[in-house]
Amino acid sequence: MSTTSAQGPESRSELQARTLPGMHDAVIAVLRRHLPAPARMVDLGAGSGAWASRLVSLGYSVTAVERDTSFYRFTGAPLIAADLNEPFSARLQGPFDGLTAIEVIEHLENPRAFLRECHKLLAPRGLMVLTTPNIENVPARLQFLATGNLRMFGRDPRFNDPTHITPIHTFMLERMLRDTGFELVEHTFNQPHPTGTRPLNRLITRLVGPLLRGLKGGDCHIFVLRKQ
């Protein structure tokens, strides 16, 4: 196991968060309900270290995991270099009380394999917080109806991240959880309604939304999972 501490700025204001505005606040609210500090945590897909920095400031003990170690800038938590598309649990000294994977699983090739690796790292009844783009809200359904493309997974790189390769649907995730030893204990969203929608689309969303069955919610799911 190789552990490195990257040098660079430690202030959260100087660390680039690669996620939607408000996402970190929403996940903190979830953690405070289910796994308050102090707890031993792993930040999977740590990026610059902005989220690890936030957790440390709140009293959590954090280990960061990131494939691109050159981007990691937070010196207050150790960094483990690992590709989450490969078996990675043996690189960390578990078990841990909790794991977070913020905007990670949609970038991975095999979500079931990823969840199995996470399961290995957690203590009994350990907690995992997983976020991912919501392809089930009203704008996403309208976009699919009009274009055949999934929202945030489309072909146009101006509006979609080309590294989004694995869309996650709630029903399919529930099946994955049964297969990998997790239970779903909470399902919420980063905000009540999607953001960044054009005025016409917002109007159509308000008109059509009440007619559609199933999940709506904001731009991203927040799933709280517990190891069975």
Protein backbone atom coordinates (compact mmCIF):
# COMPACT_ATOMS: atom_id res chain seq x y z
CA MET A 1 0.00 0.00 0.00
CA SER A 2 1.41 3.35 -1.00
CA THR A 3 0.27 6.48 0.79
CA THR A 4 1.18 9.98 -0.33
CA SER A 5 0.31 13.44 0.86
CA ALA A 6 0.13 15.93 -1.96
CA GLN A 7 1.53 19.39 -1.38
CA GLY A 8 -0.53 22.46 -2.11
CA PRO A 9 -3.27 24.70 -0.76
CA GLU A 10 -5.32 23.40 2.16
CA SER A 11 -8.07 26.01 2.32
CA ARG A 12 -11.40 24.68 0.99
CA SER A 13 -11.76 27.92 -0.97
CA GLU A 14 -8.60 26.99 -2.86
CA LEU A 15 -9.66 23.42 -3.62
CA GLN A 16 -11.74 22.85 -6.73
CA ALA A 17 -14.86 20.81 -6.04
CA ARG A 18 -15.88 18.79 -9.10
CA THR A 19 -19.57 18.55 -8.26
CA LEU A 20 -22.75 20.58 -8.41
CA PRO A 21 -23.11 23.60 -6.09
CA GLY A 22 -24.70 22.63 -2.80
CA MET A 23 -23.95 18.92 -3.13
CA HIS A 24 -21.44 18.86 -0.28
CA ASP A 25 -23.88 20.64 2.04
CA ALA A 26 -26.59 18.12 1.18
CA VAL A 27 -24.32 15.15 1.90
CA ILE A 28 -23.14 16.69 5.18
CA ALA A 29 -26.78 16.93 6.27
CA VAL A 30 -27.20 13.23 5.49
CA LEU A 31 -24.04 12.27 7.40
CA ARG A 32 -25.12 14.22 10.46
CA ARG A 33 -28.34 12.19 10.54
CA HIS A 34 -26.73 8.80 10.08
CA LEU A 35 -23.01 8.92 10.92
CA PRO A 36 -21.89 11.94 12.95
CA ALA A 37 -18.23 12.70 13.64
CA PRO A 38 -15.95 11.35 14.81
CA ALA A 39 -16.04 8.44 12.38
CA ARG A 40 -13.40 6.77 10.22
CA MET A 41 -14.25 7.64 6.63
CA VAL A 42 -13.04 6.98 3.07
CA ASP A 43 -13.55 9.56 0.32
CA LEU A 44 -13.68 7.57 -2.93
CA GLY A 45 -12.85 9.62 -6.01
CA ALA A 46 -11.38 12.44 -3.92
CA GLY A 47 -10.45 14.78 -6.78
CA SER A 48 -8.66 17.85 -5.42
CA GLY A 49 -9.45 16.97 -1.80
CA ALA A 50 -12.20 19.56 -1.36
CA TRP A 51 -14.63 17.03 0.13
CA ALA A 52 -11.96 15.39 2.30
CA SER A 53 -11.10 18.85 3.61
CA ARG A 54 -14.74 19.48 4.50
CA LEU A 55 -14.98 16.18 6.37
CA VAL A 56 -11.78 16.77 8.32
CA SER A 57 -12.96 20.25 9.33
CA LEU A 58 -16.05 18.62 10.86
CA GLY A 59 -14.04 16.13 12.90
CA TYR A 60 -14.04 13.03 10.71
CA SER A 61 -10.92 10.88 10.23
CA VAL A 62 -10.50 10.66 6.46
CA THR A 63 -8.57 8.59 3.94
CA ALA A 64 -8.80 9.81 0.35
CA VAL A 65 -8.73 7.59 -2.74
CA GLU A 66 -8.04 9.02 -6.19
CA ARG A 67 -6.61 7.67 -9.45
CA ASP A 68 -5.25 11.03 -10.66
CA THR A 69 -3.01 11.89 -7.73
CA SER A 70 -1.62 14.99 -9.49
CA PHE A 71 -4.96 16.76 -8.93
CA TYR A 72 -5.11 16.10 -5.17
CA ARG A 73 -4.11 19.17 -3.15
CA PHE A 74 -5.28 18.60 0.43
CA THR A 75 -2.52 17.79 2.92
CA GLY A 76 -4.79 17.06 5.87
CA ALA A 77 -5.79 13.52 4.84
CA PRO A 78 -3.66 10.70 3.42
CA LEU A 79 -4.13 9.80 -0.23
CA ILE A 80 -4.26 6.27 -1.62
CA ALA A 81 -3.64 5.98 -5.37
CA ALA A 82 -6.17 3.54 -6.82
CA ASP A 83 -8.30 3.00 -9.91
CA LEU A 84 -11.89 2.40 -8.82
CA ASN A 85 -12.46 0.33 -11.97
CA GLU A 86 -10.06 -2.23 -10.49
CA PRO A 87 -10.08 -4.12 -7.16
CA PHE A 88 -9.04 -1.45 -4.66
CA SER A 89 -10.15 -2.60 -1.20
CA ALA A 90 -6.86 -4.37 -0.43
CA ARG A 91 -5.01 -1.04 -0.72
CA LEU A 92 -6.80 0.38 2.33
CA GLN A 93 -6.54 -0.58 5.98
CA GLY A 94 -10.15 -1.16 6.93
CA PRO A 95 -12.67 -1.59 8.28
CA PHE A 96 -14.15 1.91 8.06
CA ASP A 97 -17.26 3.39 9.61
CA GLY A 98 -18.31 5.07 6.38
CA LEU A 99 -17.56 5.64 2.71
CA THR A 100 -18.58 8.45 0.39
CA ALA A 101 -18.65 8.31 -3.41
CA ILE A 102 -19.82 11.70 -4.65
CA GLU A 103 -20.46 11.77 -8.40
CA VAL A 104 -18.31 8.68 -8.94
CA ILE A 105 -20.32 5.59 -9.89
CA GLU A 106 -21.53 7.03 -13.22
CA HIS A 107 -17.86 7.22 -14.31
CA LEU A 108 -17.18 3.53 -13.59
CA GLU A 109 -17.36 0.50 -15.84
CA ASN A 110 -18.90 -1.99 -13.40
CA PRO A 111 -21.05 -0.61 -10.56
CA ARG A 112 -21.65 -4.03 -8.99
CA ALA A 113 -17.91 -4.71 -8.75
CA PHE A 114 -17.44 -1.25 -7.22
CA LEU A 115 -20.15 -1.87 -4.60
CA ARG A 116 -18.62 -5.24 -3.68
CA GLU A 117 -15.25 -3.57 -3.09
CA CYS A 118 -16.97 -0.93 -0.93
CA HIS A 119 -18.73 -3.67 1.05
CA LYS A 120 -15.35 -5.23 1.91
CA LEU A 121 -14.09 -1.96 3.36
CA LEU A 122 -16.98 -1.28 5.73
CA ALA A 123 -17.36 -2.37 9.32
CA PRO A 124 -20.56 -4.31 10.16
CA ARG A 125 -23.53 -1.96 9.67
CA GLY A 126 -21.14 0.57 8.11
CA LEU A 127 -22.59 3.38 6.01
CA MET A 128 -22.05 4.42 2.40
CA VAL A 129 -23.30 7.66 0.83
CA LEU A 130 -23.54 7.48 -2.94
CA THR A 131 -24.57 10.30 -5.28
CA THR A 132 -25.20 10.12 -9.01
CA PRO A 133 -27.08 12.07 -11.73
CA ASN A 134 -30.85 11.70 -11.66
CA ILE A 135 -32.09 10.30 -14.98
CA GLU A 136 -35.65 9.94 -13.64
CA ASN A 137 -36.69 13.53 -12.98
CA VAL A 138 -39.12 15.40 -15.21
CA PRO A 139 -36.54 17.20 -17.41
CA ALA A 140 -34.74 13.91 -17.94
CA ARG A 141 -37.95 12.19 -19.04
CA LEU A 142 -38.80 15.03 -21.39
CA GLN A 143 -35.32 15.02 -22.88
CA PHE A 144 -35.46 11.28 -23.48
CA LEU A 145 -38.91 11.61 -25.05
CA ALA A 146 -37.75 14.39 -27.36
CA THR A 147 -34.25 13.19 -28.29
CA GLY A 148 -33.74 9.62 -27.11
CA ASN A 149 -30.78 10.80 -25.02
CA LEU A 150 -30.42 10.50 -21.26
CA ARG A 151 -30.00 13.78 -19.39
CA MET A 152 -26.33 14.31 -18.40
CA PHE A 153 -25.39 11.33 -20.59
CA GLY A 154 -26.10 12.79 -24.02
CA ARG A 155 -23.92 13.13 -27.09
CA ASP A 156 -23.38 16.89 -26.99
CA PRO A 157 -20.21 17.60 -24.93
CA ARG A 158 -21.37 21.18 -24.29
CA PHE A 159 -24.07 19.93 -21.94
CA ASN A 160 -22.87 16.46 -20.96
CA ASP A 161 -19.76 14.99 -19.39
CA PRO A 162 -18.25 12.46 -21.84
CA THR A 163 -16.85 10.48 -18.90
CA HIS A 164 -20.41 9.70 -17.74
CA ILE A 165 -20.64 6.12 -18.98
CA THR A 166 -22.96 4.33 -16.52
CA PRO A 167 -26.40 5.82 -15.86
CA ILE A 168 -27.96 4.61 -12.61
CA HIS A 169 -31.70 4.03 -12.36
CA THR A 170 -33.17 3.68 -8.87
CA PHE A 171 -34.89 0.35 -9.53
CA MET A 172 -31.72 -1.16 -11.01
CA LEU A 173 -29.65 0.18 -8.10
CA GLU A 174 -32.00 -1.52 -5.66
CA ARG A 175 -31.31 -4.82 -7.44
CA MET A 176 -27.56 -4.13 -7.29
CA LEU A 177 -27.80 -3.53 -3.54
CA ARG A 178 -29.47 -6.89 -2.98
CA ASP A 179 -26.71 -8.55 -5.02
CA THR A 180 -23.86 -6.81 -3.16
CA GLY A 181 -24.95 -6.93 0.49
CA PHE A 182 -26.33 -3.42 1.06
CA GLU A 183 -29.68 -2.08 2.21
CA LEU A 184 -31.08 1.30 1.23
CA VAL A 185 -31.80 3.35 4.35
CA GLU A 186 -32.49 6.78 2.82
CA HIS A 187 -33.02 8.23 -0.64
CA THR A 188 -32.99 11.98 -1.10
CA PHE A 189 -31.76 14.59 -3.60
CA ASN A 190 -29.27 17.43 -3.71
CA GLN A 191 -32.18 19.87 -4.05
CA PRO A 192 -35.95 19.50 -4.50
CA HIS A 193 -36.00 20.48 -8.17
CA PRO A 194 -33.57 20.37 -11.11
CA THR A 195 -31.42 23.42 -11.81
CA GLY A 196 -30.12 24.89 -15.04
CA THR A 197 -33.31 24.20 -16.94
CA ARG A 198 -34.39 26.72 -19.59
CA PRO A 199 -37.50 28.82 -18.78
CA LEU A 200 -39.63 26.99 -21.34
CA ASN A 201 -38.52 23.65 -19.97
CA ARG A 202 -39.28 24.77 -16.42
CA LEU A 203 -42.79 25.70 -17.50
CA ILE A 204 -43.32 22.37 -19.23
CA THR A 205 -41.90 20.60 -16.18
CA ARG A 206 -44.44 22.27 -13.90
CA LEU A 207 -47.28 21.34 -16.24
CA VAL A 208 -46.24 17.77 -17.01
CA GLY A 209 -44.71 16.81 -13.66
CA PRO A 210 -47.98 16.08 -11.82
CA LEU A 211 -48.97 13.66 -14.59
CA LEU A 212 -45.85 11.50 -14.34
CA ARG A 213 -45.50 8.64 -11.91
CA GLY A 214 -42.35 7.69 -10.08
CA LEU A 215 -39.38 9.63 -8.83
CA LYS A 216 -38.72 13.26 -9.55
CA GLY A 217 -36.41 15.35 -7.36
CA GLY A 218 -33.28 17.34 -8.16
CA ASP A 219 -30.36 16.89 -10.49
CA CYS A 220 -28.69 14.17 -8.42
CA HIS A 221 -29.73 11.26 -6.25
CA ILE A 222 -28.27 10.84 -2.77
CA PHE A 223 -28.47 7.21 -1.69
CA VAL A 224 -27.63 6.20 1.87
CA LEU A 225 -26.63 2.53 2.03
CA ARG A 226 -25.87 0.32 5.00
CA LYS A 227 -23.83 -2.87 4.99
CA GLN A 228 -26.07 -5.79 5.88
